[in-house]
Amino acid sequence: MADSIAFYTDVMGMKLLRKFIQEDAGYELAFVGYDEEENGVVIELTHNLGVSEYDLGDGYGHIAIAVDDCYEACERIREKGGEIVRDAGPLKGGEEIIAFVKDVDGYKIELIERPKHWF
């Protein structure tokens, strides 16, 4: 759990919003995001106590995060030790600028450059 929290806070620039352990129920949770829970999207990280290894789920694709500048975001993530698995560039057959980052558990995160007309 500590590695995942460090990745999302140190590399992706999110804040740890809250964390708690339910030992009787066998899990711990951490919630990370760019803003407080009532104002923005939050990612829930779950660790089942006693489990040291997980298989990447085949029903899970990826999450996507909008950024102002995809190229700059990739550079910042690289500088902080993050792994870029698809460099920033246009989406095949489109104009959107995207990139992909891999988190410490192997899950992919898509970065989508926010078009200038988004608010």
N, C-alpha and C. Protein backbone atom coordinates (compact mmCIF):
# COMPACT_ATOMS: atom_id res chain seq x y z
N MET A 1 0.84 -1.19 0.00
CA MET A 1 0.00 0.00 0.00
C MET A 1 0.87 1.25 0.00
N ALA A 2 1.95 1.23 0.77
CA ALA A 2 2.81 2.41 0.87
C ALA A 2 3.39 2.79 -0.50
N ASP A 3 3.78 1.80 -1.31
CA ASP A 3 4.31 2.09 -2.64
C ASP A 3 3.26 2.74 -3.53
N SER A 4 2.03 2.25 -3.45
CA SER A 4 0.95 2.82 -4.27
C SER A 4 0.64 4.25 -3.84
N ILE A 5 0.57 4.48 -2.54
CA ILE A 5 0.32 5.84 -2.03
C ILE A 5 1.44 6.77 -2.48
N ALA A 6 2.69 6.32 -2.37
CA ALA A 6 3.83 7.14 -2.79
C ALA A 6 3.76 7.45 -4.29
N PHE A 7 3.39 6.47 -5.11
CA PHE A 7 3.29 6.71 -6.55
C PHE A 7 2.25 7.78 -6.84
N TYR A 8 1.04 7.62 -6.31
CA TYR A 8 -0.04 8.56 -6.63
C TYR A 8 0.20 9.95 -6.03
N THR A 9 0.89 10.04 -4.91
CA THR A 9 1.14 11.35 -4.32
C THR A 9 2.42 11.97 -4.86
N ASP A 10 3.52 11.24 -4.84
CA ASP A 10 4.81 11.80 -5.25
C ASP A 10 4.96 11.94 -6.75
N VAL A 11 4.56 10.92 -7.49
CA VAL A 11 4.75 10.90 -8.95
C VAL A 11 3.59 11.57 -9.68
N MET A 12 2.35 11.24 -9.30
CA MET A 12 1.19 11.77 -10.00
C MET A 12 0.69 13.09 -9.42
N GLY A 13 1.22 13.51 -8.27
CA GLY A 13 0.88 14.81 -7.70
C GLY A 13 -0.44 14.89 -6.96
N MET A 14 -1.02 13.74 -6.61
CA MET A 14 -2.28 13.74 -5.85
C MET A 14 -1.98 13.94 -4.37
N LYS A 15 -3.05 14.12 -3.61
CA LYS A 15 -2.94 14.23 -2.15
C LYS A 15 -3.55 12.98 -1.53
N LEU A 16 -2.94 12.52 -0.42
CA LEU A 16 -3.56 11.47 0.37
C LEU A 16 -4.66 12.14 1.17
N LEU A 17 -5.91 11.79 0.89
CA LEU A 17 -7.05 12.45 1.52
C LEU A 17 -7.45 11.79 2.83
N ARG A 18 -7.39 10.47 2.87
CA ARG A 18 -7.65 9.76 4.12
C ARG A 18 -7.23 8.32 3.95
N LYS A 19 -6.99 7.68 5.08
CA LYS A 19 -6.54 6.30 5.09
C LYS A 19 -7.04 5.66 6.38
N PHE A 20 -7.48 4.42 6.28
CA PHE A 20 -7.85 3.70 7.50
C PHE A 20 -7.71 2.19 7.30
N ILE A 21 -7.56 1.50 8.42
CA ILE A 21 -7.41 0.05 8.42
C ILE A 21 -8.59 -0.56 9.17
N GLN A 22 -9.18 -1.58 8.58
CA GLN A 22 -10.24 -2.36 9.21
C GLN A 22 -9.68 -3.76 9.43
N GLU A 23 -8.88 -3.91 10.50
CA GLU A 23 -8.22 -5.20 10.73
C GLU A 23 -9.22 -6.33 10.88
N ASP A 24 -10.32 -6.10 11.58
CA ASP A 24 -11.32 -7.15 11.78
C ASP A 24 -11.92 -7.62 10.45
N ALA A 25 -12.05 -6.69 9.50
CA ALA A 25 -12.60 -7.03 8.19
C ALA A 25 -11.51 -7.45 7.20
N GLY A 26 -10.24 -7.23 7.56
CA GLY A 26 -9.14 -7.71 6.74
C GLY A 26 -8.71 -6.83 5.59
N TYR A 27 -8.90 -5.51 5.72
CA TYR A 27 -8.47 -4.64 4.63
C TYR A 27 -8.04 -3.28 5.16
N GLU A 28 -7.31 -2.55 4.29
CA GLU A 28 -7.01 -1.15 4.55
C GLU A 28 -7.31 -0.38 3.28
N LEU A 29 -7.74 0.85 3.45
CA LEU A 29 -8.11 1.71 2.33
C LEU A 29 -7.35 3.02 2.41
N ALA A 30 -7.01 3.55 1.25
CA ALA A 30 -6.45 4.90 1.14
C ALA A 30 -7.18 5.58 -0.01
N PHE A 31 -7.49 6.86 0.18
CA PHE A 31 -8.19 7.64 -0.83
C PHE A 31 -7.27 8.77 -1.27
N VAL A 32 -7.02 8.86 -2.58
CA VAL A 32 -6.15 9.89 -3.13
C VAL A 32 -6.90 10.67 -4.19
N GLY A 33 -6.52 11.94 -4.38
CA GLY A 33 -7.14 12.77 -5.40
C GLY A 33 -6.44 14.11 -5.49
N TYR A 34 -6.83 14.89 -6.46
CA TYR A 34 -6.25 16.21 -6.66
C TYR A 34 -6.94 17.29 -5.84
N ASP A 35 -8.13 16.98 -5.37
CA ASP A 35 -8.90 17.95 -4.59
C ASP A 35 -9.63 17.19 -3.49
N GLU A 36 -10.23 17.89 -2.59
CA GLU A 36 -10.98 17.24 -1.52
C GLU A 36 -12.11 16.40 -2.11
N GLU A 37 -12.52 15.39 -1.38
CA GLU A 37 -13.51 14.44 -1.90
C GLU A 37 -14.80 15.10 -2.35
N GLU A 38 -15.25 16.11 -1.64
CA GLU A 38 -16.52 16.74 -2.02
C GLU A 38 -16.39 17.60 -3.27
N ASN A 39 -15.17 17.87 -3.72
CA ASN A 39 -14.95 18.74 -4.87
C ASN A 39 -14.39 18.05 -6.10
N GLY A 40 -13.98 16.80 -5.99
CA GLY A 40 -13.34 16.18 -7.13
C GLY A 40 -13.40 14.66 -7.09
N VAL A 41 -12.82 14.07 -8.10
CA VAL A 41 -12.78 12.62 -8.23
C VAL A 41 -11.70 12.06 -7.31
N VAL A 42 -11.99 10.91 -6.73
CA VAL A 42 -11.09 10.27 -5.78
C VAL A 42 -10.83 8.83 -6.24
N ILE A 43 -9.61 8.38 -6.07
CA ILE A 43 -9.27 6.98 -6.33
C ILE A 43 -9.15 6.28 -4.98
N GLU A 44 -9.82 5.15 -4.86
CA GLU A 44 -9.72 4.34 -3.65
C GLU A 44 -8.71 3.23 -3.89
N LEU A 45 -7.67 3.20 -3.09
CA LEU A 45 -6.69 2.13 -3.13
C LEU A 45 -7.03 1.14 -2.03
N THR A 46 -7.09 -0.14 -2.35
CA THR A 46 -7.46 -1.17 -1.39
C THR A 46 -6.35 -2.19 -1.25
N HIS A 47 -6.03 -2.53 -0.02
CA HIS A 47 -5.09 -3.62 0.25
C HIS A 47 -5.78 -4.59 1.18
N ASN A 48 -5.90 -5.83 0.75
CA ASN A 48 -6.47 -6.88 1.59
C ASN A 48 -5.36 -7.43 2.47
N LEU A 49 -5.52 -7.29 3.76
CA LEU A 49 -4.49 -7.70 4.71
C LEU A 49 -4.16 -9.18 4.54
N GLY A 50 -2.88 -9.47 4.56
CA GLY A 50 -2.43 -10.84 4.37
C GLY A 50 -2.21 -11.23 2.93
N VAL A 51 -2.57 -10.36 1.99
CA VAL A 51 -2.37 -10.63 0.57
C VAL A 51 -1.13 -9.86 0.13
N SER A 52 -0.15 -10.57 -0.40
CA SER A 52 1.09 -9.90 -0.80
C SER A 52 1.22 -9.74 -2.30
N GLU A 53 0.35 -10.42 -3.07
CA GLU A 53 0.45 -10.33 -4.53
C GLU A 53 -0.93 -10.41 -5.15
N TYR A 54 -1.15 -9.61 -6.17
CA TYR A 54 -2.42 -9.58 -6.88
C TYR A 54 -2.16 -9.84 -8.36
N ASP A 55 -3.16 -10.43 -9.05
CA ASP A 55 -3.12 -10.53 -10.50
C ASP A 55 -3.78 -9.28 -11.05
N LEU A 56 -3.25 -8.74 -12.15
CA LEU A 56 -3.91 -7.61 -12.80
C LEU A 56 -5.25 -8.11 -13.32
N GLY A 57 -6.30 -7.37 -13.02
CA GLY A 57 -7.64 -7.80 -13.42
C GLY A 57 -7.86 -7.71 -14.92
N ASP A 58 -8.57 -8.67 -15.47
CA ASP A 58 -8.85 -8.63 -16.90
C ASP A 58 -10.14 -7.87 -17.22
N GLY A 59 -10.88 -7.46 -16.18
CA GLY A 59 -12.07 -6.67 -16.40
C GLY A 59 -11.83 -5.19 -16.23
N TYR A 60 -10.60 -4.82 -15.95
CA TYR A 60 -10.23 -3.43 -15.69
C TYR A 60 -9.40 -2.93 -16.85
N GLY A 61 -9.77 -1.81 -17.42
CA GLY A 61 -8.98 -1.23 -18.51
C GLY A 61 -7.95 -0.28 -17.93
N HIS A 62 -8.37 0.95 -17.69
CA HIS A 62 -7.48 1.94 -17.12
C HIS A 62 -8.30 3.14 -16.67
N ILE A 63 -7.67 4.00 -15.90
CA ILE A 63 -8.29 5.27 -15.56
C ILE A 63 -7.67 6.33 -16.45
N ALA A 64 -8.35 7.44 -16.59
CA ALA A 64 -7.83 8.54 -17.39
C ALA A 64 -7.89 9.82 -16.55
N ILE A 65 -6.84 10.61 -16.69
CA ILE A 65 -6.73 11.88 -15.96
C ILE A 65 -6.48 12.98 -16.97
N ALA A 66 -7.29 14.04 -16.92
CA ALA A 66 -7.09 15.19 -17.80
C ALA A 66 -5.96 16.05 -17.26
N VAL A 67 -5.08 16.49 -18.15
CA VAL A 67 -3.96 17.37 -17.78
C VAL A 67 -3.94 18.55 -18.74
N ASP A 68 -3.36 19.66 -18.29
CA ASP A 68 -3.27 20.85 -19.15
C ASP A 68 -2.28 20.65 -20.29
N ASP A 69 -1.16 19.99 -20.03
CA ASP A 69 -0.11 19.80 -21.02
C ASP A 69 0.44 18.39 -20.86
N CYS A 70 0.10 17.51 -21.78
CA CYS A 70 0.47 16.11 -21.69
C CYS A 70 1.99 15.92 -21.77
N TYR A 71 2.65 16.70 -22.62
CA TYR A 71 4.11 16.59 -22.76
C TYR A 71 4.80 16.97 -21.45
N GLU A 72 4.37 18.06 -20.85
CA GLU A 72 4.95 18.52 -19.59
C GLU A 72 4.67 17.54 -18.47
N ALA A 73 3.46 16.99 -18.44
CA ALA A 73 3.10 16.02 -17.41
C ALA A 73 3.98 14.78 -17.50
N CYS A 74 4.23 14.30 -18.71
CA CYS A 74 5.11 13.14 -18.90
C CYS A 74 6.53 13.44 -18.41
N GLU A 75 7.02 14.61 -18.73
CA GLU A 75 8.37 14.99 -18.30
C GLU A 75 8.45 15.03 -16.77
N ARG A 76 7.46 15.62 -16.14
CA ARG A 76 7.44 15.72 -14.67
C ARG A 76 7.35 14.33 -14.04
N ILE A 77 6.53 13.47 -14.61
CA ILE A 77 6.37 12.11 -14.09
C ILE A 77 7.68 11.34 -14.24
N ARG A 78 8.34 11.47 -15.39
CA ARG A 78 9.63 10.81 -15.62
C ARG A 78 10.67 11.28 -14.60
N GLU A 79 10.72 12.61 -14.39
CA GLU A 79 11.69 13.18 -13.45
C GLU A 79 11.50 12.64 -12.04
N LYS A 80 10.26 12.25 -11.71
CA LYS A 80 9.97 11.73 -10.37
C LYS A 80 10.04 10.21 -10.31
N GLY A 81 10.54 9.60 -11.38
CA GLY A 81 10.73 8.15 -11.39
C GLY A 81 9.58 7.34 -11.93
N GLY A 82 8.55 8.00 -12.47
CA GLY A 82 7.42 7.27 -13.04
C GLY A 82 7.76 6.69 -14.40
N GLU A 83 7.06 5.64 -14.77
CA GLU A 83 7.29 4.96 -16.04
C GLU A 83 6.24 5.35 -17.07
N ILE A 84 6.68 6.00 -18.14
CA ILE A 84 5.81 6.34 -19.26
C ILE A 84 5.85 5.16 -20.23
N VAL A 85 4.69 4.58 -20.52
CA VAL A 85 4.66 3.43 -21.42
C VAL A 85 4.16 3.80 -22.82
N ARG A 86 3.64 5.00 -22.96
CA ARG A 86 3.30 5.57 -24.27
C ARG A 86 3.54 7.06 -24.16
N ASP A 87 4.54 7.54 -24.89
CA ASP A 87 4.87 8.96 -24.83
C ASP A 87 3.71 9.82 -25.32
N ALA A 88 3.70 11.06 -24.87
CA ALA A 88 2.67 12.02 -25.29
C ALA A 88 2.69 12.19 -26.79
N GLY A 89 1.52 12.22 -27.38
CA GLY A 89 1.40 12.43 -28.81
C GLY A 89 -0.06 12.26 -29.22
N PRO A 90 -0.34 12.56 -30.49
CA PRO A 90 -1.71 12.49 -30.97
C PRO A 90 -2.27 11.06 -30.92
N LEU A 91 -3.54 10.96 -30.61
CA LEU A 91 -4.26 9.70 -30.64
C LEU A 91 -4.33 9.25 -32.09
N LYS A 92 -4.09 7.97 -32.34
CA LYS A 92 -4.14 7.45 -33.71
C LYS A 92 -5.50 7.75 -34.32
N GLY A 93 -5.49 8.43 -35.45
CA GLY A 93 -6.72 8.77 -36.14
C GLY A 93 -7.45 9.96 -35.56
N GLY A 94 -6.81 10.66 -34.62
CA GLY A 94 -7.48 11.80 -33.99
C GLY A 94 -6.52 12.92 -33.68
N GLU A 95 -7.01 13.90 -32.97
CA GLU A 95 -6.20 15.06 -32.63
C GLU A 95 -5.90 15.16 -31.15
N GLU A 96 -6.58 14.36 -30.31
CA GLU A 96 -6.33 14.41 -28.88
C GLU A 96 -4.90 13.98 -28.58
N ILE A 97 -4.28 14.67 -27.64
CA ILE A 97 -2.93 14.32 -27.20
C ILE A 97 -3.08 13.45 -25.95
N ILE A 98 -2.51 12.25 -26.01
CA ILE A 98 -2.61 11.33 -24.88
C ILE A 98 -1.23 10.74 -24.56
N ALA A 99 -1.13 10.11 -23.41
CA ALA A 99 0.04 9.35 -23.01
C ALA A 99 -0.44 8.31 -22.01
N PHE A 100 0.40 7.32 -21.73
CA PHE A 100 0.09 6.33 -20.71
C PHE A 100 1.25 6.20 -19.74
N VAL A 101 0.88 6.10 -18.46
CA VAL A 101 1.81 5.90 -17.36
C VAL A 101 1.46 4.57 -16.72
N LYS A 102 2.46 3.87 -16.20
CA LYS A 102 2.20 2.64 -15.46
C LYS A 102 2.45 2.90 -13.99
N ASP A 103 1.50 2.51 -13.14
CA ASP A 103 1.71 2.71 -11.71
C ASP A 103 2.57 1.58 -11.15
N VAL A 104 2.88 1.62 -9.87
CA VAL A 104 3.80 0.66 -9.27
C VAL A 104 3.26 -0.77 -9.27
N ASP A 105 1.96 -0.94 -9.44
CA ASP A 105 1.37 -2.27 -9.49
C ASP A 105 1.15 -2.76 -10.91
N GLY A 106 1.51 -1.94 -11.90
CA GLY A 106 1.37 -2.34 -13.30
C GLY A 106 0.11 -1.85 -13.97
N TYR A 107 -0.73 -1.11 -13.26
CA TYR A 107 -1.96 -0.58 -13.86
C TYR A 107 -1.63 0.65 -14.71
N LYS A 108 -2.34 0.79 -15.81
CA LYS A 108 -2.09 1.91 -16.71
C LYS A 108 -3.02 3.07 -16.40
N ILE A 109 -2.46 4.26 -16.54
CA ILE A 109 -3.19 5.51 -16.35
C ILE A 109 -3.02 6.32 -17.63
N GLU A 110 -4.13 6.68 -18.24
CA GLU A 110 -4.09 7.50 -19.45
C GLU A 110 -4.08 8.97 -19.06
N LEU A 111 -3.20 9.73 -19.66
CA LEU A 111 -3.19 11.18 -19.51
C LEU A 111 -3.80 11.74 -20.79
N ILE A 112 -4.79 12.59 -20.66
CA ILE A 112 -5.45 13.20 -21.81
C ILE A 112 -5.28 14.71 -21.68
N GLU A 113 -4.69 15.29 -22.73
CA GLU A 113 -4.51 16.75 -22.69
C GLU A 113 -5.86 17.42 -22.84
N ARG A 114 -6.14 18.29 -21.89
CA ARG A 114 -7.42 19.00 -21.86
C ARG A 114 -7.46 19.97 -23.03
N PRO A 115 -8.43 19.80 -23.95
CA PRO A 115 -8.54 20.76 -25.07
C PRO A 115 -8.76 22.18 -24.55
N LYS A 116 -8.31 23.12 -25.31
CA LYS A 116 -8.40 24.53 -24.89
C LYS A 116 -9.84 24.99 -24.67
N HIS A 117 -10.82 24.32 -25.30
CA HIS A 117 -12.22 24.73 -25.15
C HIS A 117 -12.88 24.12 -23.91
N TRP A 118 -12.19 23.21 -23.19
CA TRP A 118 -12.74 22.69 -21.93
C TRP A 118 -12.67 23.80 -20.90
N PHE A 119 -13.57 23.80 -19.95
CA PHE A 119 -13.53 24.81 -18.89
C PHE A 119 -12.68 24.35 -17.76
